[in-house]
Every structure is written in C-alpha cells, then in structure tokens.
Amino acid sequence: MNKNENLKSSDKPVETNPAINEMDQQLAEIAKMETPEKVETPEGYKNVKIDGEDVLCREVDITKEYGDALKESKEYKKKAVVDARQATEHEEISTTQDGMKNYADEGDWIIQNPGEDPYVFGSKNDAVEVRQQKFAKKYEPIPDQEGKFQAKGIIKALQVNENIVVKTSWGEEMATKAGGWVSDGGYTIAEKSFTDTYEELEDKNGDGK
C-alpha cells in the first residue's frame, strides 16, 4: 500500500487558492485605508467647524499677536446696510461660518451683515443696557426702512494667512480660514464677508495711513 494512502484526511496538506489569498490581502489593505490611525491635534491648535468642514486652526490671542500691527493698520468702514433686531427673550444664535454658538439676552441687538451669519452685538462683560447704548452709538437706523441700519463706526483690520481661532472680546470663540481678517474689536471676519461688507477708508491725510 502506498505510504500516502495511510495518511489521515486531517494530516493531508491543505491546498490553497492563490486567487483567494490575493483577495484577502487586497481587503486587508482596504481596511487599513478606511480606518486610518488617529492623528493627535498639535499643541496650540484645535479643530473647528467652518462652513460645515473640520478645519485645524491655530489658537490666537488677537491682542498679543496683532495688537501693535492693528494700531498701524488701514481703516475700514462698512459699506453695506445691515439688518438688526432686538431679542425679545433669551435665545441662541448659531453660526455656520465658524461653527460657534452665541446667546442673546432680552434687549440685545442681533446684527446680520450681507452674506454673513447673525451675531449678538457687544461684550458680555457689559450690562444689556450698556450694550444697547453702544449699539446706538455705532449704528443709525435708515429712514423708512424698518430693521435696516448703517454703521457709523470705523475699524482697523488685518488679513491673516493661516486658519485661526480666537476668543472674542465678548467671551465666545470665532474662527476664520486663511484669507480672513482680524479686527481691532477683537473678532474675526470671514474673507467673503469682509469683501462684501467693508471698504477701505479714504486716506484724507495722503500719508498712506
């Protein structure tokens, strides 16, 4: 009797299909691609949703990093009419451009620039009555156009070349992608919003400032 005939079926070598082995290898590679290793956020950075997209932003203190430069920067004024209304109760104001939330107290003014998310005017460090007074100093109603206001004030602003997130002067977070702006009011402005809303103030002195 042939020696191989004495082997039990369990002792016989198992034949493998090369095509199946190759397919298993391909599936393993796909699995690796679909489950990438978690990348830790670098120190001093955080992920922020901007326009529905997760964006890695550097955490910035506007006063420390841009304070001196803003003092020497160009001045801009709002060229567009804004919509504004007073909150009749405590309400949440959600934004899509920076993925942040803000809250209005009863009596607060809620402003919306053209093409921009609404925001609550003023610093939370001030009482509502003070915020209302500051609004009246900065904005004036347009006759015969209910809810429409023209800004009186002027800001200084600088364009940034990186994605940043800041703590605003009223205690909330705001973020902007590279190309956006920071203002001397302690907040950020998205690039398109700035272009649509502001214009450079005419240089009356003729010295470029």
N, C-alpha and C. Protein backbone atom coordinates (compact mmCIF):
# COMPACT_ATOMS: atom_id res chain seq x y z
N MET A 1 0.85 -1.21 0.00
CA MET A 1 0.00 0.00 0.00
C MET A 1 0.86 1.23 0.00
N ASN A 2 0.47 2.15 -0.79
CA ASN A 2 1.21 3.42 -0.85
C ASN A 2 1.20 4.10 0.51
N LYS A 3 2.38 4.62 0.94
CA LYS A 3 2.51 5.26 2.23
C LYS A 3 1.55 6.44 2.38
N ASN A 4 1.31 7.18 1.32
CA ASN A 4 0.43 8.34 1.38
C ASN A 4 -1.01 7.93 1.64
N GLU A 5 -1.37 6.68 1.28
CA GLU A 5 -2.74 6.24 1.48
C GLU A 5 -3.03 6.04 2.95
N ASN A 6 -1.96 5.82 3.77
CA ASN A 6 -2.14 5.62 5.20
C ASN A 6 -2.36 6.93 5.95
N LEU A 7 -2.15 8.08 5.30
CA LEU A 7 -2.34 9.37 5.97
C LEU A 7 -3.80 9.62 6.22
N LYS A 8 -4.10 10.12 7.41
CA LYS A 8 -5.47 10.51 7.71
C LYS A 8 -5.81 11.76 6.90
N SER A 9 -7.13 11.95 6.69
CA SER A 9 -7.54 13.11 5.90
C SER A 9 -7.12 14.40 6.56
N SER A 10 -7.09 14.45 7.90
CA SER A 10 -6.70 15.67 8.62
C SER A 10 -5.23 15.95 8.52
N ASP A 11 -4.45 14.89 8.17
CA ASP A 11 -3.00 15.06 8.06
C ASP A 11 -2.57 15.47 6.67
N LYS A 12 -3.49 15.44 5.73
CA LYS A 12 -3.14 15.77 4.36
C LYS A 12 -2.94 17.26 4.21
N PRO A 13 -1.95 17.70 3.45
CA PRO A 13 -1.71 19.14 3.24
C PRO A 13 -2.93 19.80 2.60
N VAL A 14 -3.27 21.00 3.08
CA VAL A 14 -4.43 21.74 2.58
C VAL A 14 -4.00 22.56 1.38
N GLU A 15 -4.72 22.39 0.33
CA GLU A 15 -4.41 23.17 -0.87
C GLU A 15 -5.02 24.56 -0.75
N THR A 16 -4.30 25.57 -1.14
CA THR A 16 -4.79 26.95 -1.07
C THR A 16 -4.99 27.49 -2.47
N ASN A 17 -5.96 28.40 -2.56
CA ASN A 17 -6.27 29.03 -3.84
C ASN A 17 -5.54 30.37 -3.90
N PRO A 18 -4.57 30.54 -4.77
CA PRO A 18 -3.80 31.80 -4.85
C PRO A 18 -4.69 33.02 -5.07
N ALA A 19 -5.77 32.86 -5.79
CA ALA A 19 -6.67 33.99 -6.07
C ALA A 19 -7.33 34.48 -4.78
N ILE A 20 -7.72 33.51 -3.90
CA ILE A 20 -8.35 33.88 -2.63
C ILE A 20 -7.35 34.59 -1.73
N ASN A 21 -6.12 34.08 -1.66
CA ASN A 21 -5.08 34.72 -0.86
C ASN A 21 -4.84 36.16 -1.31
N GLU A 22 -4.80 36.38 -2.58
CA GLU A 22 -4.58 37.73 -3.12
C GLU A 22 -5.74 38.65 -2.76
N MET A 23 -6.97 38.11 -2.81
CA MET A 23 -8.15 38.91 -2.47
C MET A 23 -8.12 39.30 -0.99
N ASP A 24 -7.71 38.37 -0.13
CA ASP A 24 -7.62 38.67 1.30
C ASP A 24 -6.63 39.80 1.56
N GLN A 25 -5.52 39.77 0.86
CA GLN A 25 -4.51 40.81 1.01
C GLN A 25 -5.07 42.16 0.58
N GLN A 26 -5.82 42.18 -0.51
CA GLN A 26 -6.41 43.43 -1.00
C GLN A 26 -7.42 43.97 -0.01
N LEU A 27 -8.25 43.09 0.56
CA LEU A 27 -9.24 43.51 1.55
C LEU A 27 -8.57 44.07 2.79
N ALA A 28 -7.45 43.47 3.19
CA ALA A 28 -6.73 43.95 4.36
C ALA A 28 -6.17 45.35 4.11
N GLU A 29 -5.68 45.58 2.90
CA GLU A 29 -5.16 46.90 2.55
C GLU A 29 -6.27 47.95 2.55
N ILE A 30 -7.44 47.58 2.03
CA ILE A 30 -8.58 48.50 2.01
C ILE A 30 -9.01 48.84 3.43
N ALA A 31 -9.02 47.84 4.31
CA ALA A 31 -9.41 48.07 5.70
C ALA A 31 -8.48 49.06 6.37
N LYS A 32 -7.19 48.97 6.06
CA LYS A 32 -6.22 49.90 6.62
C LYS A 32 -6.50 51.32 6.14
N MET A 33 -6.88 51.44 4.86
CA MET A 33 -7.16 52.76 4.30
C MET A 33 -8.41 53.37 4.92
N GLU A 34 -9.41 52.53 5.21
CA GLU A 34 -10.68 53.04 5.73
C GLU A 34 -10.63 53.36 7.21
N THR A 35 -9.66 52.79 7.90
CA THR A 35 -9.53 53.07 9.34
C THR A 35 -8.14 53.63 9.62
N PRO A 36 -7.91 54.89 9.23
CA PRO A 36 -6.58 55.49 9.43
C PRO A 36 -6.29 55.69 10.91
N GLU A 37 -5.02 55.74 11.23
CA GLU A 37 -4.62 55.97 12.60
C GLU A 37 -5.02 57.37 13.03
N LYS A 38 -5.48 57.49 14.27
CA LYS A 38 -5.90 58.78 14.81
C LYS A 38 -4.70 59.71 14.94
N VAL A 39 -4.84 60.90 14.37
CA VAL A 39 -3.76 61.88 14.42
C VAL A 39 -4.05 62.86 15.55
N GLU A 40 -3.13 62.99 16.46
CA GLU A 40 -3.34 63.90 17.59
C GLU A 40 -3.21 65.35 17.14
N THR A 41 -4.07 66.20 17.72
CA THR A 41 -4.03 67.62 17.40
C THR A 41 -2.79 68.25 18.02
N PRO A 42 -2.00 68.99 17.24
CA PRO A 42 -0.78 69.62 17.79
C PRO A 42 -1.14 70.60 18.90
N GLU A 43 -0.22 70.79 19.82
CA GLU A 43 -0.44 71.73 20.91
C GLU A 43 -0.61 73.14 20.35
N GLY A 44 -1.58 73.87 20.89
CA GLY A 44 -1.84 75.22 20.42
C GLY A 44 -2.77 75.29 19.23
N TYR A 45 -3.30 74.15 18.83
CA TYR A 45 -4.24 74.08 17.71
C TYR A 45 -5.53 73.39 18.16
N LYS A 46 -6.60 73.60 17.43
CA LYS A 46 -7.83 72.86 17.68
C LYS A 46 -8.63 72.75 16.41
N ASN A 47 -9.43 71.70 16.32
CA ASN A 47 -10.29 71.51 15.16
C ASN A 47 -11.59 72.29 15.36
N VAL A 48 -11.94 73.08 14.36
CA VAL A 48 -13.14 73.91 14.42
C VAL A 48 -13.95 73.70 13.15
N LYS A 49 -15.26 73.66 13.27
CA LYS A 49 -16.10 73.53 12.08
C LYS A 49 -16.30 74.90 11.45
N ILE A 50 -15.90 75.03 10.19
CA ILE A 50 -16.10 76.26 9.43
C ILE A 50 -16.79 75.87 8.12
N ASP A 51 -17.96 76.44 7.90
CA ASP A 51 -18.77 76.08 6.72
C ASP A 51 -19.01 74.58 6.66
N GLY A 52 -19.22 73.96 7.83
CA GLY A 52 -19.52 72.54 7.89
C GLY A 52 -18.31 71.63 7.73
N GLU A 53 -17.13 72.21 7.66
CA GLU A 53 -15.89 71.43 7.44
C GLU A 53 -15.01 71.53 8.68
N ASP A 54 -14.43 70.39 9.07
CA ASP A 54 -13.48 70.40 10.19
C ASP A 54 -12.17 71.01 9.72
N VAL A 55 -11.78 72.11 10.36
CA VAL A 55 -10.57 72.83 9.96
C VAL A 55 -9.64 72.94 11.16
N LEU A 56 -8.37 72.57 10.96
CA LEU A 56 -7.37 72.71 12.01
C LEU A 56 -6.93 74.16 12.09
N CYS A 57 -7.16 74.79 13.25
CA CYS A 57 -6.87 76.21 13.42
C CYS A 57 -5.89 76.43 14.56
N ARG A 58 -5.04 77.41 14.39
CA ARG A 58 -4.13 77.78 15.47
C ARG A 58 -4.86 78.70 16.43
N GLU A 59 -4.69 78.46 17.73
CA GLU A 59 -5.33 79.30 18.74
C GLU A 59 -4.53 80.59 18.91
N VAL A 60 -5.21 81.71 18.76
CA VAL A 60 -4.54 83.01 18.70
C VAL A 60 -5.15 83.98 19.69
N ASP A 61 -4.29 84.78 20.34
CA ASP A 61 -4.72 85.91 21.15
C ASP A 61 -4.54 87.15 20.28
N ILE A 62 -5.64 87.74 19.82
CA ILE A 62 -5.55 88.86 18.88
C ILE A 62 -4.73 90.01 19.45
N THR A 63 -4.97 90.36 20.70
CA THR A 63 -4.27 91.50 21.30
C THR A 63 -2.76 91.27 21.34
N LYS A 64 -2.35 90.07 21.76
CA LYS A 64 -0.92 89.79 21.88
C LYS A 64 -0.22 89.68 20.54
N GLU A 65 -0.88 89.01 19.59
CA GLU A 65 -0.21 88.74 18.31
C GLU A 65 -0.40 89.85 17.27
N TYR A 66 -1.52 90.54 17.33
CA TYR A 66 -1.81 91.51 16.28
C TYR A 66 -2.02 92.94 16.80
N GLY A 67 -1.98 93.10 18.14
CA GLY A 67 -2.30 94.40 18.73
C GLY A 67 -1.49 95.56 18.15
N ASP A 68 -0.18 95.43 18.13
CA ASP A 68 0.69 96.51 17.62
C ASP A 68 0.46 96.75 16.13
N ALA A 69 0.34 95.65 15.37
CA ALA A 69 0.14 95.79 13.92
C ALA A 69 -1.21 96.42 13.61
N LEU A 70 -2.22 96.10 14.41
CA LEU A 70 -3.55 96.67 14.18
C LEU A 70 -3.57 98.18 14.41
N LYS A 71 -2.75 98.63 15.34
CA LYS A 71 -2.68 100.08 15.60
C LYS A 71 -2.21 100.84 14.37
N GLU A 72 -1.36 100.19 13.57
CA GLU A 72 -0.79 100.82 12.38
C GLU A 72 -1.50 100.40 11.10
N SER A 73 -2.52 99.58 11.21
CA SER A 73 -3.17 99.04 10.01
C SER A 73 -4.12 100.05 9.38
N LYS A 74 -4.61 99.73 8.20
CA LYS A 74 -5.54 100.60 7.49
C LYS A 74 -6.90 100.58 8.17
N GLU A 75 -7.68 101.62 7.91
CA GLU A 75 -9.01 101.73 8.48
C GLU A 75 -10.06 101.36 7.43
N TYR A 76 -11.13 100.77 7.91
CA TYR A 76 -12.20 100.34 7.02
C TYR A 76 -13.55 100.74 7.61
N LYS A 77 -14.49 100.98 6.74
CA LYS A 77 -15.85 101.29 7.18
C LYS A 77 -16.82 100.37 6.45
N LYS A 78 -17.96 100.14 7.08
CA LYS A 78 -18.96 99.29 6.46
C LYS A 78 -19.62 100.03 5.30
N LYS A 79 -19.69 99.35 4.20
CA LYS A 79 -20.30 99.96 3.01
C LYS A 79 -21.73 99.47 2.80
N ALA A 80 -22.07 98.41 3.52
CA ALA A 80 -23.38 97.80 3.30
C ALA A 80 -24.34 98.12 4.43
N VAL A 81 -25.60 98.03 4.10
CA VAL A 81 -26.66 98.17 5.10
C VAL A 81 -26.80 96.83 5.81
N VAL A 82 -26.99 96.87 7.13
CA VAL A 82 -27.13 95.63 7.89
C VAL A 82 -28.56 95.50 8.41
N ASP A 83 -28.96 94.28 8.64
CA ASP A 83 -30.24 94.01 9.30
C ASP A 83 -29.97 93.87 10.80
N ALA A 84 -30.84 94.44 11.60
CA ALA A 84 -30.68 94.34 13.04
C ALA A 84 -32.04 94.27 13.71
N ARG A 85 -32.10 93.50 14.77
CA ARG A 85 -33.34 93.37 15.54
C ARG A 85 -32.97 93.17 17.01
N GLN A 86 -33.90 93.49 17.88
CA GLN A 86 -33.69 93.29 19.30
C GLN A 86 -34.33 91.98 19.74
N ALA A 87 -33.59 91.23 20.56
CA ALA A 87 -34.12 89.98 21.08
C ALA A 87 -35.23 90.27 22.09
N THR A 88 -36.31 89.53 21.99
CA THR A 88 -37.43 89.71 22.91
C THR A 88 -37.38 88.72 24.07
N GLU A 89 -36.41 87.79 24.00
CA GLU A 89 -36.20 86.81 25.06
C GLU A 89 -34.79 86.25 24.91
N HIS A 90 -34.36 85.46 25.90
CA HIS A 90 -33.05 84.82 25.81
C HIS A 90 -33.09 83.80 24.66
N GLU A 91 -32.15 83.90 23.73
CA GLU A 91 -32.15 82.99 22.59
C GLU A 91 -30.74 82.64 22.14
N GLU A 92 -30.64 81.49 21.50
CA GLU A 92 -29.35 81.01 20.99
C GLU A 92 -29.19 81.45 19.55
N ILE A 93 -28.00 81.97 19.24
CA ILE A 93 -27.68 82.38 17.87
C ILE A 93 -26.59 81.45 17.35
N SER A 94 -26.93 80.59 16.39
CA SER A 94 -25.96 79.64 15.84
C SER A 94 -25.36 80.20 14.55
N THR A 95 -24.10 79.88 14.34
CA THR A 95 -23.42 80.36 13.13
C THR A 95 -22.89 79.18 12.35
N THR A 96 -22.84 79.30 11.03
CA THR A 96 -22.33 78.23 10.18
C THR A 96 -20.90 78.48 9.73
N GLN A 97 -20.51 79.74 9.62
CA GLN A 97 -19.18 80.04 9.09
C GLN A 97 -18.06 79.63 10.06
N ASP A 98 -18.31 79.76 11.37
CA ASP A 98 -17.28 79.39 12.32
C ASP A 98 -17.70 78.27 13.25
N GLY A 99 -18.93 77.78 13.07
CA GLY A 99 -19.40 76.66 13.86
C GLY A 99 -19.62 76.97 15.33
N MET A 100 -19.72 78.21 15.70
CA MET A 100 -19.84 78.60 17.11
C MET A 100 -21.28 78.98 17.45
N LYS A 101 -21.54 79.08 18.76
CA LYS A 101 -22.84 79.50 19.25
C LYS A 101 -22.68 80.71 20.14
N ASN A 102 -23.66 81.59 20.10
CA ASN A 102 -23.68 82.77 20.95
C ASN A 102 -25.09 82.89 21.51
N TYR A 103 -25.23 83.68 22.55
CA TYR A 103 -26.54 83.80 23.20
C TYR A 103 -26.91 85.27 23.37
N ALA A 104 -28.15 85.57 23.05
CA ALA A 104 -28.65 86.93 23.21
C ALA A 104 -29.58 86.99 24.41
N ASP A 105 -29.43 88.03 25.20
CA ASP A 105 -30.36 88.28 26.29
C ASP A 105 -31.47 89.19 25.79
N GLU A 106 -32.56 89.22 26.51
CA GLU A 106 -33.65 90.10 26.13
C GLU A 106 -33.17 91.54 26.05
N GLY A 107 -33.42 92.20 24.92
CA GLY A 107 -32.98 93.57 24.72
C GLY A 107 -31.70 93.69 23.91
N ASP A 108 -30.96 92.58 23.75
CA ASP A 108 -29.73 92.61 22.94
C ASP A 108 -30.07 92.86 21.48
N TRP A 109 -29.13 93.49 20.79
CA TRP A 109 -29.27 93.68 19.35
C TRP A 109 -28.58 92.54 18.61
N ILE A 110 -29.28 91.96 17.65
CA ILE A 110 -28.74 90.88 16.83
C ILE A 110 -28.55 91.43 15.43
N ILE A 111 -27.31 91.39 14.96
CA ILE A 111 -26.95 92.01 13.68
C ILE A 111 -26.64 90.94 12.64
N GLN A 112 -27.02 91.20 11.41
CA GLN A 112 -26.68 90.31 10.30
C GLN A 112 -26.18 91.14 9.13
N ASN A 113 -24.90 90.94 8.80
CA ASN A 113 -24.31 91.58 7.63
C ASN A 113 -24.68 90.79 6.38
N PRO A 114 -24.64 91.41 5.20
CA PRO A 114 -24.95 90.70 3.96
C PRO A 114 -24.04 89.49 3.77
N GLY A 115 -24.62 88.33 3.52
CA GLY A 115 -23.84 87.12 3.27
C GLY A 115 -23.16 86.56 4.49
N GLU A 116 -23.57 86.99 5.67
CA GLU A 116 -22.88 86.57 6.89
C GLU A 116 -23.89 86.06 7.91
N ASP A 117 -23.40 85.27 8.86
CA ASP A 117 -24.27 84.78 9.92
C ASP A 117 -24.61 85.90 10.90
N PRO A 118 -25.74 85.79 11.59
CA PRO A 118 -26.08 86.80 12.60
C PRO A 118 -25.17 86.68 13.82
N TYR A 119 -25.02 87.77 14.54
CA TYR A 119 -24.23 87.73 15.77
C TYR A 119 -24.82 88.72 16.77
N VAL A 120 -24.50 88.51 18.03
CA VAL A 120 -25.02 89.37 19.10
C VAL A 120 -24.03 90.51 19.31
N PHE A 121 -24.53 91.73 19.26
CA PHE A 121 -23.68 92.90 19.39
C PHE A 121 -23.26 93.11 20.84
N GLY A 122 -21.98 93.48 21.02
CA GLY A 122 -21.50 93.91 22.33
C GLY A 122 -20.80 92.84 23.14
N SER A 123 -20.18 93.28 24.23
CA SER A 123 -19.43 92.41 25.13
C SER A 123 -20.31 91.92 26.27
N LYS A 124 -20.19 90.64 26.58
CA LYS A 124 -20.95 90.07 27.69
C LYS A 124 -20.49 90.61 29.04
N ASN A 125 -19.35 91.29 29.04
CA ASN A 125 -18.87 91.90 30.28
C ASN A 125 -19.70 93.14 30.64
N ASP A 126 -20.42 93.67 29.64
CA ASP A 126 -21.26 94.86 29.87
C ASP A 126 -22.70 94.43 30.16
N ALA A 127 -23.41 95.26 30.88
CA ALA A 127 -24.84 95.02 31.10
C ALA A 127 -25.58 95.23 29.80
N VAL A 128 -26.78 94.66 29.70
CA VAL A 128 -27.58 94.79 28.47
C VAL A 128 -27.80 96.25 28.13
N GLU A 129 -28.07 97.08 29.14
CA GLU A 129 -28.32 98.50 28.89
C GLU A 129 -27.11 99.18 28.28
N VAL A 130 -25.92 98.79 28.72
CA VAL A 130 -24.69 99.37 28.17
C VAL A 130 -24.50 98.92 26.72
N ARG A 131 -24.79 97.66 26.44
CA ARG A 131 -24.68 97.15 25.08
C ARG A 131 -25.64 97.89 24.15
N GLN A 132 -26.81 98.19 24.66
CA GLN A 132 -27.79 98.94 23.86
C GLN A 132 -27.29 100.35 23.55
N GLN A 133 -26.67 100.98 24.55
CA GLN A 133 -26.14 102.33 24.35
C GLN A 133 -25.02 102.32 23.32
N LYS A 134 -24.17 101.32 23.38
CA LYS A 134 -23.05 101.22 22.43
C LYS A 134 -23.57 100.95 21.02
N PHE A 135 -24.64 100.17 20.92
CA PHE A 135 -25.23 99.92 19.60
C PHE A 135 -25.72 101.23 18.99
N ALA A 136 -26.39 102.03 19.83
CA ALA A 136 -26.94 103.31 19.34
C ALA A 136 -25.83 104.26 18.88
N LYS A 137 -24.65 104.13 19.50
CA LYS A 137 -23.52 104.99 19.11
C LYS A 137 -22.88 104.51 17.80
N LYS A 138 -22.97 103.20 17.55
CA LYS A 138 -22.29 102.64 16.39
C LYS A 138 -23.18 102.54 15.16
N TYR A 139 -24.50 102.38 15.35
CA TYR A 139 -25.41 102.20 14.22
C TYR A 139 -26.52 103.24 14.25
N GLU A 140 -26.96 103.62 13.06
CA GLU A 140 -28.09 104.54 12.97
C GLU A 140 -29.14 103.95 12.02
N PRO A 141 -30.41 104.07 12.38
CA PRO A 141 -31.46 103.48 11.53
C PRO A 141 -31.59 104.24 10.23
N ILE A 142 -31.94 103.52 9.18
CA ILE A 142 -32.17 104.15 7.87
C ILE A 142 -33.65 104.52 7.78
N PRO A 143 -33.94 105.77 7.53
CA PRO A 143 -35.34 106.22 7.47
C PRO A 143 -36.17 105.39 6.50
N ASP A 144 -37.38 105.07 6.92
CA ASP A 144 -38.37 104.37 6.08
C ASP A 144 -37.94 102.96 5.68
N GLN A 145 -36.94 102.41 6.39
CA GLN A 145 -36.52 101.03 6.12
C GLN A 145 -36.41 100.29 7.46
N GLU A 146 -37.51 99.71 7.87
CA GLU A 146 -37.56 99.05 9.17
C GLU A 146 -36.56 97.91 9.27
N GLY A 147 -35.81 97.90 10.35
CA GLY A 147 -34.84 96.83 10.58
C GLY A 147 -33.53 97.01 9.84
N LYS A 148 -33.38 98.12 9.10
CA LYS A 148 -32.15 98.39 8.34
C LYS A 148 -31.34 99.48 9.04
N PHE A 149 -30.03 99.24 9.16
CA PHE A 149 -29.16 100.18 9.85
C PHE A 149 -27.87 100.39 9.06
N GLN A 150 -27.28 101.56 9.25
CA GLN A 150 -25.99 101.90 8.65
C GLN A 150 -24.99 102.08 9.78
N ALA A 151 -23.83 101.44 9.64
CA ALA A 151 -22.81 101.57 10.68
C ALA A 151 -22.17 102.95 10.64
N LYS A 152 -21.94 103.50 11.81
CA LYS A 152 -21.26 104.79 11.91
C LYS A 152 -19.75 104.58 12.07
N GLY A 153 -19.42 103.50 12.71
CA GLY A 153 -18.03 103.32 13.16
C GLY A 153 -17.05 102.91 12.08
N ILE A 154 -15.78 102.93 12.48
CA ILE A 154 -14.65 102.56 11.62
C ILE A 154 -13.82 101.52 12.37
N ILE A 155 -13.33 100.52 11.66
CA ILE A 155 -12.48 99.51 12.29
C ILE A 155 -11.11 99.49 11.63
N LYS A 156 -10.15 98.96 12.36
CA LYS A 156 -8.85 98.65 11.79
C LYS A 156 -8.79 97.13 11.67
N ALA A 157 -8.24 96.65 10.56
CA ALA A 157 -8.26 95.21 10.33
C ALA A 157 -7.03 94.75 9.56
N LEU A 158 -6.68 93.50 9.79
CA LEU A 158 -5.55 92.87 9.10
C LEU A 158 -6.00 91.53 8.53
N GLN A 159 -5.51 91.21 7.32
CA GLN A 159 -5.81 89.91 6.72
C GLN A 159 -4.80 88.89 7.22
N VAL A 160 -5.28 87.66 7.50
CA VAL A 160 -4.40 86.62 8.03
C VAL A 160 -4.13 85.57 6.96
N ASN A 161 -2.99 84.91 7.08
CA ASN A 161 -2.59 83.93 6.07
C ASN A 161 -2.61 82.50 6.60
N GLU A 162 -3.38 82.27 7.67
CA GLU A 162 -3.48 80.94 8.25
C GLU A 162 -4.87 80.78 8.88
N ASN A 163 -5.24 79.53 9.12
CA ASN A 163 -6.50 79.26 9.80
C ASN A 163 -6.32 79.55 11.29
N ILE A 164 -7.18 80.37 11.86
CA ILE A 164 -7.03 80.72 13.27
C ILE A 164 -8.38 80.66 13.99
N VAL A 165 -8.31 80.45 15.31
CA VAL A 165 -9.47 80.53 16.18
C VAL A 165 -9.11 81.46 17.34
N VAL A 166 -10.03 82.35 17.71
CA VAL A 166 -9.72 83.35 18.73
C VAL A 166 -10.84 83.38 19.77
N LYS A 167 -10.52 83.92 20.92
CA LYS A 167 -11.52 84.22 21.94
C LYS A 167 -11.90 85.68 21.75
N THR A 168 -13.18 85.92 21.46
CA THR A 168 -13.63 87.27 21.16
C THR A 168 -13.66 88.14 22.41
N SER A 169 -13.87 89.43 22.19
CA SER A 169 -13.93 90.38 23.29
C SER A 169 -15.16 90.14 24.17
N TRP A 170 -16.15 89.41 23.65
CA TRP A 170 -17.35 89.13 24.45
C TRP A 170 -17.34 87.70 25.00
N GLY A 171 -16.18 87.03 24.88
CA GLY A 171 -16.02 85.74 25.54
C GLY A 171 -16.36 84.50 24.75
N GLU A 172 -16.73 84.65 23.49
CA GLU A 172 -17.04 83.50 22.65
C GLU A 172 -15.87 83.21 21.71
N GLU A 173 -15.90 82.03 21.08
CA GLU A 173 -14.86 81.68 20.11
C GLU A 173 -15.33 82.00 18.70
N MET A 174 -14.40 82.48 17.88
CA MET A 174 -14.66 82.67 16.45
C MET A 174 -13.46 82.16 15.69
N ALA A 175 -13.71 81.68 14.48
CA ALA A 175 -12.61 81.15 13.67
C ALA A 175 -12.75 81.62 12.24
N THR A 176 -11.63 81.67 11.54
CA THR A 176 -11.64 82.01 10.13
C THR A 176 -10.54 81.25 9.41
N LYS A 177 -10.78 80.96 8.16
CA LYS A 177 -9.76 80.32 7.35
C LYS A 177 -8.74 81.36 6.89
N ALA A 178 -7.62 80.87 6.36
CA ALA A 178 -6.62 81.76 5.78
C ALA A 178 -7.30 82.64 4.73
N GLY A 179 -6.96 83.95 4.77
CA GLY A 179 -7.61 84.90 3.87
C GLY A 179 -8.65 85.73 4.59
N GLY A 180 -9.05 85.27 5.79
CA GLY A 180 -9.98 86.03 6.60
C GLY A 180 -9.28 87.20 7.28
N TRP A 181 -10.01 87.91 8.13
CA TRP A 181 -9.49 89.13 8.74
C TRP A 181 -9.66 89.10 10.26
N VAL A 182 -8.77 89.84 10.96
CA VAL A 182 -8.92 90.10 12.39
C VAL A 182 -9.10 91.61 12.55
N SER A 183 -9.94 92.01 13.50
CA SER A 183 -10.20 93.44 13.68
C SER A 183 -9.74 93.89 15.06
N ASP A 184 -9.62 95.20 15.19
CA ASP A 184 -9.22 95.75 16.49
C ASP A 184 -10.35 95.66 17.51
N GLY A 185 -11.51 95.16 17.08
CA GLY A 185 -12.60 94.91 18.01
C GLY A 185 -12.50 93.56 18.69
N GLY A 186 -11.44 92.81 18.32
CA GLY A 186 -11.21 91.53 18.98
C GLY A 186 -12.00 90.36 18.41
N TYR A 187 -12.26 90.37 17.10
CA TYR A 187 -13.02 89.28 16.49
C TYR A 187 -12.50 89.04 15.07
N THR A 188 -12.95 87.95 14.47
CA THR A 188 -12.55 87.61 13.10
C THR A 188 -13.69 87.88 12.14
N ILE A 189 -13.33 88.05 10.86
CA ILE A 189 -14.32 88.26 9.80
C ILE A 189 -13.92 87.37 8.63
N ALA A 190 -14.86 86.54 8.16
CA ALA A 190 -14.57 85.68 7.02
C ALA A 190 -14.22 86.52 5.79
N GLU A 191 -13.39 85.96 4.92
CA GLU A 191 -12.88 86.72 3.77
C GLU A 191 -14.01 87.29 2.91
N LYS A 192 -14.99 86.46 2.55
CA LYS A 192 -16.08 86.94 1.69
C LYS A 192 -16.92 87.98 2.41
N SER A 193 -17.17 87.76 3.69
CA SER A 193 -17.97 88.71 4.46
C SER A 193 -17.29 90.07 4.51
N PHE A 194 -15.96 90.06 4.69
CA PHE A 194 -15.23 91.32 4.75
C PHE A 194 -15.32 92.05 3.42
N THR A 195 -15.12 91.32 2.33
CA THR A 195 -15.17 91.92 1.00
C THR A 195 -16.56 92.50 0.70
N ASP A 196 -17.59 91.78 1.12
CA ASP A 196 -18.96 92.21 0.85
C ASP A 196 -19.40 93.38 1.73
N THR A 197 -18.79 93.50 2.92
CA THR A 197 -19.30 94.43 3.92
C THR A 197 -18.47 95.69 4.10
N TYR A 198 -17.14 95.58 3.92
CA TYR A 198 -16.26 96.71 4.25
C TYR A 198 -15.57 97.29 3.02
N GLU A 199 -15.17 98.54 3.16
CA GLU A 199 -14.35 99.19 2.15
C GLU A 199 -13.30 100.04 2.87
N GLU A 200 -12.16 100.17 2.22
CA GLU A 200 -11.07 100.94 2.84
C GLU A 200 -11.46 102.41 2.95
N LEU A 201 -11.16 102.98 4.09
CA LEU A 201 -11.48 104.38 4.31
C LEU A 201 -10.54 105.24 3.49
N GLU A 202 -11.08 106.26 2.86
CA GLU A 202 -10.27 107.14 2.03
C GLU A 202 -9.18 107.80 2.86
N ASP A 203 -7.97 107.83 2.32
CA ASP A 203 -6.83 108.43 3.01
C ASP A 203 -6.89 109.95 2.85
N LYS A 204 -7.38 110.60 3.90
CA LYS A 204 -7.54 112.05 3.83
C LYS A 204 -6.22 112.79 4.06
N ASN A 205 -5.30 112.13 4.73
CA ASN A 205 -4.02 112.78 5.06
C ASN A 205 -3.00 112.67 3.94
N GLY A 206 -3.24 111.69 3.07
CA GLY A 206 -2.30 111.49 1.97
C GLY A 206 -0.99 110.90 2.41
N ASP A 207 -0.96 110.27 3.62
CA ASP A 207 0.31 109.70 4.10
C ASP A 207 0.26 108.17 4.11
N GLY A 208 -0.82 107.60 3.54
CA GLY A 208 -0.92 106.15 3.46
C GLY A 208 -1.41 105.51 4.71
N LYS A 209 -1.80 106.30 5.70
CA LYS A 209 -2.29 105.73 6.96
C LYS A 209 -3.78 105.97 7.08
